[in-house]
Amino acid sequence: MTNYLILLRHGQSQWNLENKFTGFTDVELTEEGRDEARKAGHAIEDANIMIDKVFSSTLKRANETAKLALDNAGSMASKVRTADGSYQMIRHDDLRERDYGDLTGLNKDDTRDKYGEEQVHIWRRSYDVSPPGGECLKDVVENRVRPYYKKEIKPLLDDGKNVLVAAHGNSLRAMLIVLGLETPDTINEAEMPTGKPLLIQLDDMKVSERRFL
């Protein structure tokens, strides 16, 4: 049995553009971000992957990205499209971006100037060191993404469904660890570009391929 999991980071947000730590803040997509989301939908259509279920975080940048992608995925979105043109989409806080705590809203370059390049790198990329008042990636993996994946997403994949998850850089990097595609030691090298679908092919629930569309 072959089926697919598609991980889609939201398109460029206003705070991505302004180089700010975003976290739980509910910011809008930029027009470039919306265009990225539309292109993601075309890529899913070109790959001929019929979407059976859609998950998203509760933040609007992920929701809008999912909607725009599905709007542009043609018949590949027909199973999740409702009669009024909206989509069946499960939204949950567990798929939100990492909480950056006291860094939220700060410009990343200004933060490096204040605290030093090394300290900011530790806060951003260490697996188990949290920024002040925030979450580390390990928190996102173990407290949110792993239990949610096991309860809600894995059973659908076990059943042969094709699943789209529209979320955030860190919640999707957490998903890569949960799937066994990365480890705490290798996750720093795994980038999730905005608006670019990562296609994970499963053959009998074993990953046989991963590639960006």
N, C-alpha and C. Protein backbone atom coordinates (compact mmCIF):
# COMPACT_ATOMS: atom_id res chain seq x y z
N MET A 1 0.84 -1.20 0.00
CA MET A 1 0.00 0.00 0.00
C MET A 1 0.88 1.25 0.00
N THR A 2 0.62 2.13 -0.94
CA THR A 2 1.35 3.40 -1.04
C THR A 2 0.40 4.56 -0.77
N ASN A 3 0.80 5.42 0.13
CA ASN A 3 0.05 6.66 0.35
C ASN A 3 1.02 7.76 0.74
N TYR A 4 0.49 8.98 1.00
CA TYR A 4 1.36 10.14 1.10
C TYR A 4 0.98 11.04 2.28
N LEU A 5 2.00 11.61 2.87
CA LEU A 5 1.87 12.68 3.85
C LEU A 5 2.54 13.91 3.26
N ILE A 6 1.82 15.01 3.20
CA ILE A 6 2.37 16.26 2.68
C ILE A 6 2.48 17.26 3.82
N LEU A 7 3.69 17.73 4.08
CA LEU A 7 3.92 18.74 5.10
C LEU A 7 4.15 20.08 4.42
N LEU A 8 3.32 21.05 4.78
CA LEU A 8 3.37 22.36 4.11
C LEU A 8 3.51 23.46 5.15
N ARG A 9 4.68 24.10 5.14
CA ARG A 9 4.84 25.28 5.98
C ARG A 9 4.08 26.44 5.34
N HIS A 10 3.48 27.27 6.18
CA HIS A 10 2.74 28.43 5.67
C HIS A 10 3.62 29.30 4.76
N GLY A 11 2.96 30.04 3.89
CA GLY A 11 3.68 31.00 3.05
C GLY A 11 4.28 32.13 3.89
N GLN A 12 5.08 32.93 3.24
CA GLN A 12 5.73 34.04 3.96
C GLN A 12 4.70 34.88 4.71
N SER A 13 4.97 35.12 5.99
CA SER A 13 4.09 35.98 6.80
C SER A 13 4.70 37.37 6.90
N GLN A 14 3.90 38.30 7.42
CA GLN A 14 4.39 39.67 7.57
C GLN A 14 5.59 39.71 8.50
N TRP A 15 5.59 38.90 9.54
CA TRP A 15 6.72 38.90 10.46
C TRP A 15 7.91 38.11 9.93
N ASN A 16 7.69 37.16 9.04
CA ASN A 16 8.83 36.58 8.32
C ASN A 16 9.53 37.68 7.54
N LEU A 17 8.72 38.48 6.85
CA LEU A 17 9.27 39.57 6.04
C LEU A 17 10.03 40.57 6.90
N GLU A 18 9.50 40.83 8.09
CA GLU A 18 10.13 41.80 9.00
C GLU A 18 11.20 41.18 9.89
N ASN A 19 11.48 39.88 9.68
CA ASN A 19 12.55 39.18 10.39
C ASN A 19 12.33 39.17 11.91
N LYS A 20 11.08 38.90 12.30
CA LYS A 20 10.74 38.87 13.71
C LYS A 20 10.45 37.43 14.17
N PHE A 21 10.70 37.18 15.46
CA PHE A 21 10.27 35.94 16.08
C PHE A 21 8.74 35.98 16.20
N THR A 22 8.08 35.01 15.61
CA THR A 22 6.62 35.08 15.52
C THR A 22 5.92 34.22 16.57
N GLY A 23 6.26 32.92 16.63
CA GLY A 23 5.65 32.05 17.62
C GLY A 23 4.14 32.00 17.50
N PHE A 24 3.45 32.21 18.64
CA PHE A 24 2.00 32.09 18.69
C PHE A 24 1.27 33.32 18.13
N THR A 25 1.99 34.40 17.83
CA THR A 25 1.33 35.61 17.34
C THR A 25 0.63 35.32 16.01
N ASP A 26 -0.61 35.78 15.89
CA ASP A 26 -1.44 35.43 14.74
C ASP A 26 -1.31 36.49 13.65
N VAL A 27 -0.27 36.39 12.85
CA VAL A 27 0.00 37.40 11.84
C VAL A 27 -0.50 36.95 10.47
N GLU A 28 -0.62 37.91 9.57
CA GLU A 28 -1.14 37.66 8.22
C GLU A 28 -0.02 37.19 7.28
N LEU A 29 -0.44 36.54 6.20
CA LEU A 29 0.48 36.28 5.10
C LEU A 29 0.74 37.57 4.33
N THR A 30 1.91 37.66 3.73
CA THR A 30 2.17 38.71 2.75
C THR A 30 1.59 38.27 1.41
N GLU A 31 1.56 39.17 0.45
CA GLU A 31 1.10 38.76 -0.88
C GLU A 31 2.03 37.72 -1.48
N GLU A 32 3.32 37.85 -1.19
CA GLU A 32 4.25 36.81 -1.65
C GLU A 32 3.91 35.47 -1.00
N GLY A 33 3.56 35.50 0.27
CA GLY A 33 3.17 34.28 0.96
C GLY A 33 1.94 33.64 0.36
N ARG A 34 0.98 34.47 -0.03
CA ARG A 34 -0.23 33.94 -0.67
C ARG A 34 0.11 33.32 -2.02
N ASP A 35 1.03 33.94 -2.74
CA ASP A 35 1.46 33.39 -4.03
C ASP A 35 2.17 32.05 -3.82
N GLU A 36 2.98 31.96 -2.77
CA GLU A 36 3.64 30.69 -2.46
C GLU A 36 2.61 29.59 -2.19
N ALA A 37 1.55 29.95 -1.47
CA ALA A 37 0.51 28.97 -1.15
C ALA A 37 -0.21 28.50 -2.42
N ARG A 38 -0.48 29.43 -3.32
CA ARG A 38 -1.12 29.06 -4.58
C ARG A 38 -0.23 28.11 -5.38
N LYS A 39 1.06 28.41 -5.43
CA LYS A 39 2.01 27.55 -6.15
C LYS A 39 2.07 26.16 -5.51
N ALA A 40 1.95 26.12 -4.18
CA ALA A 40 1.93 24.82 -3.50
C ALA A 40 0.76 23.97 -3.98
N GLY A 41 -0.39 24.61 -4.14
CA GLY A 41 -1.55 23.89 -4.64
C GLY A 41 -1.33 23.35 -6.04
N HIS A 42 -0.75 24.17 -6.91
CA HIS A 42 -0.45 23.71 -8.27
C HIS A 42 0.52 22.53 -8.24
N ALA A 43 1.49 22.57 -7.31
CA ALA A 43 2.46 21.49 -7.21
C ALA A 43 1.79 20.19 -6.78
N ILE A 44 0.84 20.29 -5.86
CA ILE A 44 0.10 19.10 -5.43
C ILE A 44 -0.73 18.54 -6.60
N GLU A 45 -1.35 19.44 -7.35
CA GLU A 45 -2.11 19.00 -8.52
C GLU A 45 -1.19 18.31 -9.53
N ASP A 46 -0.03 18.91 -9.79
CA ASP A 46 0.91 18.33 -10.76
C ASP A 46 1.42 16.97 -10.31
N ALA A 47 1.55 16.79 -8.98
CA ALA A 47 2.01 15.50 -8.46
C ALA A 47 0.91 14.45 -8.43
N ASN A 48 -0.34 14.89 -8.71
CA ASN A 48 -1.48 13.98 -8.80
C ASN A 48 -1.74 13.25 -7.48
N ILE A 49 -1.67 14.01 -6.37
CA ILE A 49 -1.90 13.44 -5.05
C ILE A 49 -3.30 13.87 -4.56
N MET A 50 -4.23 12.94 -4.51
CA MET A 50 -5.58 13.22 -4.02
C MET A 50 -5.55 13.37 -2.50
N ILE A 51 -6.01 14.50 -1.99
CA ILE A 51 -5.98 14.77 -0.56
C ILE A 51 -7.24 14.21 0.09
N ASP A 52 -7.05 13.36 1.10
CA ASP A 52 -8.18 12.78 1.82
C ASP A 52 -8.51 13.51 3.12
N LYS A 53 -7.50 14.13 3.74
CA LYS A 53 -7.71 14.78 5.03
C LYS A 53 -6.74 15.94 5.16
N VAL A 54 -7.19 17.01 5.79
CA VAL A 54 -6.36 18.20 5.97
C VAL A 54 -6.31 18.57 7.45
N PHE A 55 -5.11 18.80 7.94
CA PHE A 55 -4.89 19.28 9.30
C PHE A 55 -4.16 20.62 9.22
N SER A 56 -4.44 21.50 10.18
CA SER A 56 -3.76 22.78 10.24
C SER A 56 -3.65 23.20 11.70
N SER A 57 -2.72 24.10 11.95
CA SER A 57 -2.69 24.73 13.27
C SER A 57 -3.86 25.71 13.37
N THR A 58 -4.03 26.29 14.53
CA THR A 58 -5.11 27.26 14.73
C THR A 58 -4.73 28.68 14.33
N LEU A 59 -3.52 28.87 13.81
CA LEU A 59 -3.06 30.20 13.43
C LEU A 59 -3.42 30.49 11.97
N LYS A 60 -3.86 31.71 11.72
CA LYS A 60 -4.44 32.02 10.41
C LYS A 60 -3.46 31.95 9.26
N ARG A 61 -2.17 32.15 9.51
CA ARG A 61 -1.22 32.05 8.39
C ARG A 61 -1.16 30.62 7.85
N ALA A 62 -1.34 29.63 8.72
CA ALA A 62 -1.38 28.24 8.27
C ALA A 62 -2.73 27.92 7.64
N ASN A 63 -3.81 28.41 8.24
CA ASN A 63 -5.15 28.18 7.69
C ASN A 63 -5.29 28.74 6.29
N GLU A 64 -4.83 29.99 6.11
CA GLU A 64 -4.96 30.61 4.80
C GLU A 64 -4.08 29.91 3.77
N THR A 65 -2.90 29.49 4.19
CA THR A 65 -2.04 28.74 3.27
C THR A 65 -2.71 27.46 2.81
N ALA A 66 -3.32 26.73 3.75
CA ALA A 66 -4.01 25.49 3.38
C ALA A 66 -5.14 25.78 2.41
N LYS A 67 -5.94 26.81 2.70
CA LYS A 67 -7.08 27.14 1.84
C LYS A 67 -6.63 27.52 0.43
N LEU A 68 -5.62 28.38 0.34
CA LEU A 68 -5.15 28.80 -0.97
C LEU A 68 -4.53 27.64 -1.75
N ALA A 69 -3.81 26.78 -1.04
CA ALA A 69 -3.25 25.60 -1.70
C ALA A 69 -4.36 24.70 -2.24
N LEU A 70 -5.38 24.47 -1.43
CA LEU A 70 -6.48 23.62 -1.87
C LEU A 70 -7.27 24.27 -3.00
N ASP A 71 -7.43 25.60 -2.95
CA ASP A 71 -8.10 26.33 -4.03
C ASP A 71 -7.43 26.09 -5.37
N ASN A 72 -6.12 25.84 -5.32
CA ASN A 72 -5.33 25.73 -6.55
C ASN A 72 -4.86 24.30 -6.83
N ALA A 73 -5.41 23.35 -6.09
CA ALA A 73 -5.03 21.94 -6.29
C ALA A 73 -5.99 21.21 -7.21
N GLY A 74 -6.97 21.94 -7.76
CA GLY A 74 -7.91 21.35 -8.71
C GLY A 74 -8.67 20.17 -8.11
N SER A 75 -8.80 19.11 -8.89
CA SER A 75 -9.57 17.95 -8.45
C SER A 75 -8.91 17.21 -7.30
N MET A 76 -7.63 17.49 -7.04
CA MET A 76 -6.94 16.82 -5.94
C MET A 76 -7.50 17.21 -4.58
N ALA A 77 -8.27 18.31 -4.54
CA ALA A 77 -8.88 18.76 -3.28
C ALA A 77 -10.36 18.41 -3.21
N SER A 78 -10.87 17.66 -4.17
CA SER A 78 -12.32 17.43 -4.27
C SER A 78 -12.89 16.68 -3.06
N LYS A 79 -12.11 15.82 -2.45
CA LYS A 79 -12.62 15.03 -1.31
C LYS A 79 -12.80 15.87 -0.05
N VAL A 80 -12.10 16.98 0.04
CA VAL A 80 -12.19 17.81 1.25
C VAL A 80 -12.92 19.12 0.99
N ARG A 81 -13.38 19.33 -0.25
CA ARG A 81 -14.11 20.55 -0.60
C ARG A 81 -15.59 20.36 -0.31
N THR A 82 -16.20 21.33 0.35
CA THR A 82 -17.62 21.25 0.69
C THR A 82 -18.46 21.96 -0.37
N ALA A 83 -19.77 21.81 -0.25
CA ALA A 83 -20.67 22.37 -1.26
C ALA A 83 -20.59 23.88 -1.35
N ASP A 84 -20.25 24.54 -0.24
CA ASP A 84 -20.18 26.00 -0.25
C ASP A 84 -18.80 26.53 -0.64
N GLY A 85 -17.90 25.62 -1.05
CA GLY A 85 -16.58 26.04 -1.50
C GLY A 85 -15.54 26.14 -0.41
N SER A 86 -15.92 25.85 0.83
CA SER A 86 -14.94 25.82 1.92
C SER A 86 -14.34 24.40 1.99
N TYR A 87 -13.54 24.16 3.02
CA TYR A 87 -12.85 22.88 3.12
C TYR A 87 -13.01 22.26 4.49
N GLN A 88 -13.09 20.96 4.51
CA GLN A 88 -13.06 20.21 5.76
C GLN A 88 -11.62 20.22 6.26
N MET A 89 -11.37 20.91 7.36
CA MET A 89 -10.01 21.08 7.85
C MET A 89 -10.03 20.98 9.38
N ILE A 90 -9.18 20.12 9.91
CA ILE A 90 -9.10 19.97 11.36
C ILE A 90 -7.99 20.87 11.87
N ARG A 91 -8.35 21.80 12.75
CA ARG A 91 -7.39 22.76 13.29
C ARG A 91 -7.12 22.43 14.76
N HIS A 92 -5.86 22.51 15.16
CA HIS A 92 -5.55 22.19 16.55
C HIS A 92 -4.33 22.99 17.03
N ASP A 93 -4.40 23.41 18.30
CA ASP A 93 -3.29 24.16 18.91
C ASP A 93 -1.98 23.38 18.92
N ASP A 94 -2.05 22.05 18.96
CA ASP A 94 -0.82 21.26 19.05
C ASP A 94 0.07 21.42 17.82
N LEU A 95 -0.50 21.90 16.72
CA LEU A 95 0.27 22.09 15.49
C LEU A 95 0.76 23.53 15.32
N ARG A 96 0.55 24.36 16.34
CA ARG A 96 1.02 25.74 16.27
C ARG A 96 2.55 25.80 16.25
N GLU A 97 3.04 26.97 15.87
CA GLU A 97 4.48 27.24 15.90
C GLU A 97 4.99 27.14 17.34
N ARG A 98 6.27 26.97 17.45
CA ARG A 98 6.94 27.00 18.75
C ARG A 98 6.71 28.36 19.43
N ASP A 99 6.51 28.32 20.75
CA ASP A 99 6.36 29.55 21.53
C ASP A 99 7.75 30.12 21.82
N TYR A 100 8.02 31.31 21.29
CA TYR A 100 9.33 31.94 21.49
C TYR A 100 9.40 32.77 22.76
N GLY A 101 8.34 32.76 23.57
CA GLY A 101 8.40 33.42 24.86
C GLY A 101 8.76 34.89 24.78
N ASP A 102 9.77 35.30 25.54
CA ASP A 102 10.16 36.72 25.61
C ASP A 102 10.74 37.25 24.31
N LEU A 103 11.11 36.35 23.40
CA LEU A 103 11.66 36.79 22.12
C LEU A 103 10.58 37.17 21.11
N THR A 104 9.35 36.79 21.38
CA THR A 104 8.25 37.01 20.43
C THR A 104 8.12 38.50 20.08
N GLY A 105 8.11 38.77 18.79
CA GLY A 105 7.96 40.13 18.30
C GLY A 105 9.26 40.88 18.13
N LEU A 106 10.37 40.30 18.61
CA LEU A 106 11.66 40.98 18.49
C LEU A 106 12.27 40.71 17.12
N ASN A 107 12.98 41.69 16.61
CA ASN A 107 13.73 41.52 15.37
C ASN A 107 14.92 40.61 15.65
N LYS A 108 15.15 39.64 14.79
CA LYS A 108 16.20 38.65 15.03
C LYS A 108 17.59 39.27 15.00
N ASP A 109 17.82 40.21 14.09
CA ASP A 109 19.13 40.86 14.03
C ASP A 109 19.38 41.71 15.28
N ASP A 110 18.35 42.44 15.72
CA ASP A 110 18.49 43.24 16.93
C ASP A 110 18.74 42.36 18.15
N THR A 111 18.11 41.20 18.17
CA THR A 111 18.29 40.27 19.29
C THR A 111 19.72 39.73 19.32
N ARG A 112 20.28 39.47 18.14
CA ARG A 112 21.69 39.04 18.08
C ARG A 112 22.61 40.14 18.59
N ASP A 113 22.30 41.36 18.22
CA ASP A 113 23.13 42.49 18.69
C ASP A 113 23.08 42.61 20.21
N LYS A 114 21.93 42.33 20.79
CA LYS A 114 21.75 42.49 22.23
C LYS A 114 22.34 41.33 23.03
N TYR A 115 22.09 40.10 22.57
CA TYR A 115 22.46 38.92 23.36
C TYR A 115 23.67 38.16 22.81
N GLY A 116 24.07 38.48 21.57
CA GLY A 116 25.19 37.78 20.95
C GLY A 116 24.72 36.68 20.02
N GLU A 117 25.49 36.51 18.96
CA GLU A 117 25.16 35.51 17.93
C GLU A 117 25.05 34.11 18.53
N GLU A 118 25.99 33.74 19.40
CA GLU A 118 26.01 32.37 19.93
C GLU A 118 24.78 32.08 20.78
N GLN A 119 24.41 33.03 21.65
CA GLN A 119 23.25 32.81 22.51
C GLN A 119 21.96 32.69 21.70
N VAL A 120 21.80 33.54 20.72
CA VAL A 120 20.59 33.49 19.90
C VAL A 120 20.54 32.20 19.09
N HIS A 121 21.71 31.77 18.62
CA HIS A 121 21.76 30.50 17.89
C HIS A 121 21.33 29.34 18.79
N ILE A 122 21.75 29.35 20.04
CA ILE A 122 21.34 28.30 20.99
C ILE A 122 19.83 28.34 21.19
N TRP A 123 19.28 29.53 21.39
CA TRP A 123 17.83 29.64 21.59
C TRP A 123 17.06 29.16 20.37
N ARG A 124 17.58 29.46 19.19
CA ARG A 124 16.86 29.12 17.96
C ARG A 124 17.03 27.65 17.57
N ARG A 125 18.22 27.10 17.77
CA ARG A 125 18.53 25.81 17.17
C ARG A 125 18.82 24.68 18.15
N SER A 126 19.04 24.98 19.41
CA SER A 126 19.25 23.90 20.37
C SER A 126 17.98 23.07 20.49
N TYR A 127 18.12 21.77 20.60
CA TYR A 127 16.95 20.90 20.70
C TYR A 127 16.26 21.03 22.04
N ASP A 128 17.04 21.23 23.11
CA ASP A 128 16.44 21.16 24.44
C ASP A 128 16.71 22.37 25.33
N VAL A 129 17.11 23.50 24.72
CA VAL A 129 17.29 24.74 25.48
C VAL A 129 16.21 25.72 25.02
N SER A 130 15.41 26.19 25.97
CA SER A 130 14.30 27.09 25.65
C SER A 130 14.73 28.55 25.71
N PRO A 131 14.17 29.40 24.86
CA PRO A 131 14.34 30.85 25.06
C PRO A 131 13.59 31.26 26.32
N PRO A 132 13.92 32.39 26.90
CA PRO A 132 13.25 32.80 28.15
C PRO A 132 11.72 32.82 28.00
N GLY A 133 11.05 32.04 28.82
CA GLY A 133 9.59 32.03 28.81
C GLY A 133 8.95 31.26 27.66
N GLY A 134 9.77 30.54 26.87
CA GLY A 134 9.23 29.88 25.69
C GLY A 134 9.45 28.39 25.68
N GLU A 135 9.31 27.80 24.49
CA GLU A 135 9.47 26.36 24.29
C GLU A 135 10.75 26.06 23.53
N CYS A 136 11.37 24.94 23.85
CA CYS A 136 12.42 24.40 22.99
C CYS A 136 11.77 23.43 22.01
N LEU A 137 12.52 22.99 21.03
CA LEU A 137 11.95 22.08 20.04
C LEU A 137 11.53 20.75 20.69
N LYS A 138 12.27 20.31 21.68
CA LYS A 138 11.91 19.07 22.37
C LYS A 138 10.51 19.19 22.99
N ASP A 139 10.19 20.35 23.54
CA ASP A 139 8.84 20.58 24.09
C ASP A 139 7.79 20.40 23.01
N VAL A 140 8.05 20.97 21.84
CA VAL A 140 7.09 20.88 20.73
C VAL A 140 6.91 19.42 20.31
N VAL A 141 8.02 18.69 20.23
CA VAL A 141 7.95 17.28 19.84
C VAL A 141 7.17 16.46 20.85
N GLU A 142 7.60 16.51 22.11
CA GLU A 142 7.09 15.56 23.10
C GLU A 142 5.76 15.98 23.72
N ASN A 143 5.53 17.27 23.85
CA ASN A 143 4.30 17.73 24.52
C ASN A 143 3.14 17.93 23.56
N ARG A 144 3.46 18.12 22.27
CA ARG A 144 2.39 18.48 21.34
C ARG A 144 2.33 17.59 20.11
N VAL A 145 3.39 17.61 19.30
CA VAL A 145 3.30 17.00 17.98
C VAL A 145 3.27 15.47 18.05
N ARG A 146 4.10 14.85 18.86
CA ARG A 146 4.12 13.39 18.91
C ARG A 146 2.76 12.82 19.37
N PRO A 147 2.22 13.29 20.50
CA PRO A 147 0.92 12.73 20.90
C PRO A 147 -0.20 13.03 19.91
N TYR A 148 -0.18 14.22 19.31
CA TYR A 148 -1.23 14.54 18.34
C TYR A 148 -1.11 13.67 17.09
N TYR A 149 0.10 13.49 16.61
CA TYR A 149 0.33 12.63 15.45
C TYR A 149 -0.16 11.21 15.71
N LYS A 150 0.21 10.67 16.86
CA LYS A 150 -0.16 9.28 17.16
C LYS A 150 -1.67 9.11 17.26
N LYS A 151 -2.34 10.11 17.84
CA LYS A 151 -3.78 9.99 18.07
C LYS A 151 -4.60 10.31 16.84
N GLU A 152 -4.22 11.34 16.08
CA GLU A 152 -5.09 11.87 15.03
C GLU A 152 -4.63 11.59 13.60
N ILE A 153 -3.32 11.66 13.36
CA ILE A 153 -2.83 11.57 11.98
C ILE A 153 -2.40 10.16 11.59
N LYS A 154 -1.66 9.50 12.45
CA LYS A 154 -1.16 8.16 12.12
C LYS A 154 -2.27 7.17 11.78
N PRO A 155 -3.39 7.15 12.52
CA PRO A 155 -4.44 6.19 12.14
C PRO A 155 -4.95 6.38 10.72
N LEU A 156 -4.99 7.61 10.23
CA LEU A 156 -5.41 7.85 8.86
C LEU A 156 -4.37 7.34 7.86
N LEU A 157 -3.10 7.56 8.18
CA LEU A 157 -2.04 7.05 7.31
C LEU A 157 -2.04 5.52 7.32
N ASP A 158 -2.26 4.93 8.50
CA ASP A 158 -2.35 3.47 8.60
C ASP A 158 -3.45 2.92 7.71
N ASP A 159 -4.51 3.74 7.53
CA ASP A 159 -5.66 3.33 6.73
C ASP A 159 -5.49 3.63 5.25
N GLY A 160 -4.29 4.14 4.88
CA GLY A 160 -4.00 4.38 3.47
C GLY A 160 -4.42 5.73 2.95
N LYS A 161 -4.79 6.67 3.83
CA LYS A 161 -5.22 7.98 3.40
C LYS A 161 -4.03 8.88 3.06
N ASN A 162 -4.28 9.85 2.18
CA ASN A 162 -3.30 10.89 1.89
C ASN A 162 -3.64 12.11 2.73
N VAL A 163 -2.66 12.58 3.51
CA VAL A 163 -2.91 13.62 4.51
C VAL A 163 -2.05 14.85 4.22
N LEU A 164 -2.67 16.02 4.27
CA LEU A 164 -1.96 17.29 4.17
C LEU A 164 -1.94 17.95 5.54
N VAL A 165 -0.75 18.35 6.00
CA VAL A 165 -0.61 19.08 7.25
C VAL A 165 -0.02 20.44 6.94
N ALA A 166 -0.80 21.50 7.16
CA ALA A 166 -0.34 22.87 6.95
C ALA A 166 -0.03 23.48 8.31
N ALA A 167 1.22 23.77 8.55
CA ALA A 167 1.59 24.23 9.88
C ALA A 167 2.78 25.19 9.79
N HIS A 168 3.80 24.98 10.62
CA HIS A 168 4.85 25.98 10.82
C HIS A 168 6.22 25.30 10.79
N GLY A 169 7.25 26.12 10.64
CA GLY A 169 8.59 25.58 10.53
C GLY A 169 8.94 24.61 11.64
N ASN A 170 8.71 25.01 12.89
CA ASN A 170 9.13 24.17 14.00
C ASN A 170 8.18 23.02 14.28
N SER A 171 6.88 23.21 14.11
CA SER A 171 5.98 22.07 14.32
C SER A 171 6.18 21.01 13.23
N LEU A 172 6.56 21.43 12.03
CA LEU A 172 6.83 20.47 10.97
C LEU A 172 8.20 19.83 11.14
N ARG A 173 9.18 20.57 11.63
CA ARG A 173 10.47 19.96 11.96
C ARG A 173 10.27 18.93 13.08
N ALA A 174 9.40 19.24 14.02
CA ALA A 174 9.06 18.27 15.06
C ALA A 174 8.45 17.01 14.44
N MET A 175 7.61 17.20 13.43
CA MET A 175 7.00 16.06 12.76
C MET A 175 8.05 15.16 12.11
N LEU A 176 9.10 15.76 11.56
CA LEU A 176 10.17 14.97 10.96
C LEU A 176 10.85 14.08 11.99
N ILE A 177 11.00 14.59 13.21
CA ILE A 177 11.58 13.78 14.28
C ILE A 177 10.62 12.66 14.67
N VAL A 178 9.35 12.99 14.80
CA VAL A 178 8.34 11.98 15.16
C VAL A 178 8.30 10.86 14.11
N LEU A 179 8.46 11.21 12.85
CA LEU A 179 8.44 10.22 11.77
C LEU A 179 9.72 9.42 11.68
N GLY A 180 10.75 9.83 12.43
CA GLY A 180 12.03 9.14 12.38
C GLY A 180 12.90 9.54 11.21
N LEU A 181 12.52 10.64 10.53
CA LEU A 181 13.30 11.11 9.39
C LEU A 181 14.47 11.98 9.80
N GLU A 182 14.39 12.54 10.99
CA GLU A 182 15.49 13.33 11.56
C GLU A 182 15.63 12.94 13.03
N THR A 183 16.75 13.30 13.60
CA THR A 183 17.00 13.08 15.02
C THR A 183 17.31 14.43 15.67
N PRO A 184 17.34 14.47 17.01
CA PRO A 184 17.75 15.72 17.65
C PRO A 184 19.11 16.23 17.19
N ASP A 185 19.98 15.31 16.74
CA ASP A 185 21.31 15.69 16.29
C ASP A 185 21.32 16.20 14.84
N THR A 186 20.35 15.78 14.04
CA THR A 186 20.37 16.15 12.62
C THR A 186 19.33 17.22 12.26
N ILE A 187 18.43 17.52 13.17
CA ILE A 187 17.30 18.36 12.82
C ILE A 187 17.72 19.78 12.43
N ASN A 188 18.85 20.24 12.93
CA ASN A 188 19.31 21.59 12.56
C ASN A 188 19.53 21.75 11.07
N GLU A 189 19.84 20.65 10.40
CA GLU A 189 20.11 20.71 8.97
C GLU A 189 18.83 20.66 8.14
N ALA A 190 17.72 20.38 8.77
CA ALA A 190 16.45 20.22 8.05
C ALA A 190 15.72 21.56 7.98
N GLU A 191 15.61 22.10 6.80
CA GLU A 191 14.91 23.36 6.61
C GLU A 191 13.53 23.09 6.00
N MET A 192 12.57 23.91 6.40
CA MET A 192 11.23 23.85 5.82
C MET A 192 10.93 25.20 5.18
N PRO A 193 11.21 25.37 3.90
CA PRO A 193 10.96 26.66 3.25
C PRO A 193 9.48 27.02 3.27
N THR A 194 9.19 28.31 3.29
CA THR A 194 7.80 28.74 3.30
C THR A 194 7.11 28.35 2.00
N GLY A 195 5.91 27.79 2.15
CA GLY A 195 5.05 27.52 1.00
C GLY A 195 5.51 26.44 0.06
N LYS A 196 6.41 25.56 0.49
CA LYS A 196 6.92 24.51 -0.40
C LYS A 196 6.55 23.15 0.17
N PRO A 197 5.66 22.41 -0.49
CA PRO A 197 5.20 21.14 0.07
C PRO A 197 6.31 20.09 0.11
N LEU A 198 6.44 19.43 1.25
CA LEU A 198 7.35 18.30 1.39
C LEU A 198 6.52 17.03 1.27
N LEU A 199 6.76 16.27 0.21
CA LEU A 199 6.02 15.03 -0.05
C LEU A 199 6.76 13.86 0.56
N ILE A 200 6.06 13.13 1.44
CA ILE A 200 6.63 11.94 2.07
C ILE A 200 5.83 10.75 1.59
N GLN A 201 6.48 9.87 0.85
CA GLN A 201 5.81 8.67 0.33
C GLN A 201 5.97 7.53 1.32
N LEU A 202 4.85 6.89 1.60
CA LEU A 202 4.84 5.76 2.53
C LEU A 202 4.46 4.50 1.78
N ASP A 203 5.27 3.47 1.91
CA ASP A 203 4.95 2.16 1.38
C ASP A 203 4.83 1.21 2.56
N ASP A 204 3.58 0.76 2.80
CA ASP A 204 3.29 -0.05 3.98
C ASP A 204 3.80 0.63 5.24
N MET A 205 3.56 1.94 5.32
CA MET A 205 3.88 2.80 6.47
C MET A 205 5.38 2.96 6.71
N LYS A 206 6.19 2.62 5.74
CA LYS A 206 7.62 2.89 5.81
C LYS A 206 7.94 3.98 4.79
N VAL A 207 8.72 4.98 5.20
CA VAL A 207 9.04 6.09 4.30
C VAL A 207 9.96 5.58 3.19
N SER A 208 9.50 5.73 1.96
CA SER A 208 10.31 5.29 0.82
C SER A 208 10.90 6.46 0.03
N GLU A 209 10.33 7.67 0.26
CA GLU A 209 10.84 8.84 -0.46
C GLU A 209 10.38 10.09 0.26
N ARG A 210 11.23 11.11 0.25
CA ARG A 210 10.83 12.45 0.70
C ARG A 210 11.44 13.45 -0.25
N ARG A 211 10.61 14.38 -0.73
CA ARG A 211 11.11 15.38 -1.66
C ARG A 211 10.17 16.58 -1.64
N PHE A 212 10.73 17.75 -1.94
CA PHE A 212 9.93 18.94 -2.07
C PHE A 212 9.30 18.96 -3.46
N LEU A 213 8.05 19.32 -3.51
CA LEU A 213 7.36 19.44 -4.80
C LEU A 213 7.67 20.79 -5.45
